[in-house]
Amino acid sequence: MAIKIFNTLTGKKEVFKPIKKGRVGIYVCGPTVYDEPHIGHLRSAYVFEVIRRYFLYRGYKVKFVKNITDVDDKIIDKARGELKSQKPEASNQKPDFKKKVKEVAENYINRYHQAMEAFGMPDPDIEPKATEHIREMLELIEALIKKDSAYQRGADVYFRVRKFSGYGSLSHQSIEELKSGARGQSGETKDDPLDFALWKGAKENEPSWKTPWGGGRPGWHIECSAMSMKYLGRNFDIHGGGKDLIFPHHENEIAQSQCFTGKPFANCWIHNGLLTINGEKMSKSLGNFISVDEILAKYHPEVLKLFLLSAHYSHPIDFTFEKMEEAKRARERFYILLKKICDLETRNQKPVTSRRDRLFSRLNKLRQQFIEAMDDDFNTPQALATLFDLVNFANKNFADEKIITGAKLLLLDLGKIFGLFEGLPETTKEVTAPEGMNASTISKLIEARNALRKSKNFAEADRLREDLERKGIIIEDGSGKTTWRLKT
């Protein structure tokens, strides 16, 4: 079965056809590093990491490129604000503003990397920075000027939008619709409100690079065209990013890149939906900004992953702590099963049933259901539902060790695509009783509860169970045996 992907450019779901058989090149717009990474950054990073892993699972060789914008108006504004908030130095020497801008970028690059590591996200294959690719940008701009697709105004250079007949194809808007919403910025001298900056003339003390038309720095859009084409070629398979980048960023990338090369840019465009907080766009001004540190201090990374998997990547997803608690309980279900299987394997019990062929057939069917869901535009909610079906199947057939071992291996195999169950730390560590209790005391209380149940004093048995749960101990009644675990 082939992988089908909704292509923003064509507005329909298409069978993925790689440019080179068995290989896929993916470019994703990464962060502009001017503030603390937040859970919205995590969603985009996770969406494309899952896509990358699924292509690998399906046998493709993947080249995954995600950039970092380390020179931008927002970074400059952040540096300016930090300097203003600092106490003046004793000397009369002015602070080095260019140095400060670089410090801000480097600080938040480090913070972003730390957040990705804490969340369990590996590095992309290539992570280019804008400031390290100025030469490639200048070559592209010079070529566009020679083609009359760009023009110089002082030290600024603008792209002529009307020179590209396909402008608006990604956002599915006409030139006239775009023109009605176009706005100029103070100080701009462009010929048409639709034109956009490829290069911005230098301002006092700001970072700048020498060019044939004067010192300055790159516009936002040009960097992604230069870096994606350098590492993936002038025509590559997939370009991705958040839906907020469709216009103008990705629209402008297509225009400048195709005017430069005369050929298609990215064949398929994938855009993830945005993350909101209690129905509102996440914003510091609204007081609903949740940093990565904040969320991971409260929840295991896998809880957040399960929450993100619950919505299709292309849909918006609304963050609430109620949903996070649901994801936490869902994670418990997986780990309860995995621990039970590991315990059984440790005891080396080998129960057998006569229905093994049919049961193994069911495992294979569950694997195929998972693949069919992911082949259908990376439908993670449906794929996740299959994993829960696998948990139910294993619990119902716990009498056959080989079947449940097969279920465990399948769960771990498919879980890798989502970055789940890696290392199984919770299934192998020794269970320790809460402070103030010990395992012997808990065992005696369980024996007392079992005696109450045997005498049909269910009310008192339930009271004892609830008392243990308040102390962080969960009682589980299995086939002929009662066990306990810590509440997670």
Foldseek 3Di string as FASTA:
>chain_A
DFFWAQFLLVRGIDGADFPDPQEAEEEEEAEAQQDFAFVQNVLFLLVVLLVVLVSVVVRGHYQYEYEYELADPSLLVSLVVVVVPDDDDPDPDDDQSQVSSNVSSVVRVVNVVVLCVQLPHDDGNYYYYLVVQVVLLQVLQVLCVVLVQWDDDQLWIKGNQVVFCCQCSSVVDDPVVVLVPFDDDPPDDDPGSPIDTQWDADDPSHDWDQHPRHITGGDDQSSSLSVSCVVANQEGEEYEYAPVCSPPRVSVSQRSSCSRVVDGGYPGYYHFYGEAEPPHRDDVVVVRTGGSVRVVVPDRSQLVLQLSLQDQRRYYHYDDVVSSVVSVVVLVLVLVLLLVLVVCVVVVDAADDPCVVVLVVVVVVLLVQLVVCCSHNHNSNSNVVSLVVLSVSCVVPVRGSVSNVSSSVSSVVVVVSSPPCPPVPVNPDDAAADPPDGPVRVVVLVVVLVVCVVVVVPVVSVVSQVVVVVRQKHWDDDDVDIDIGGHD
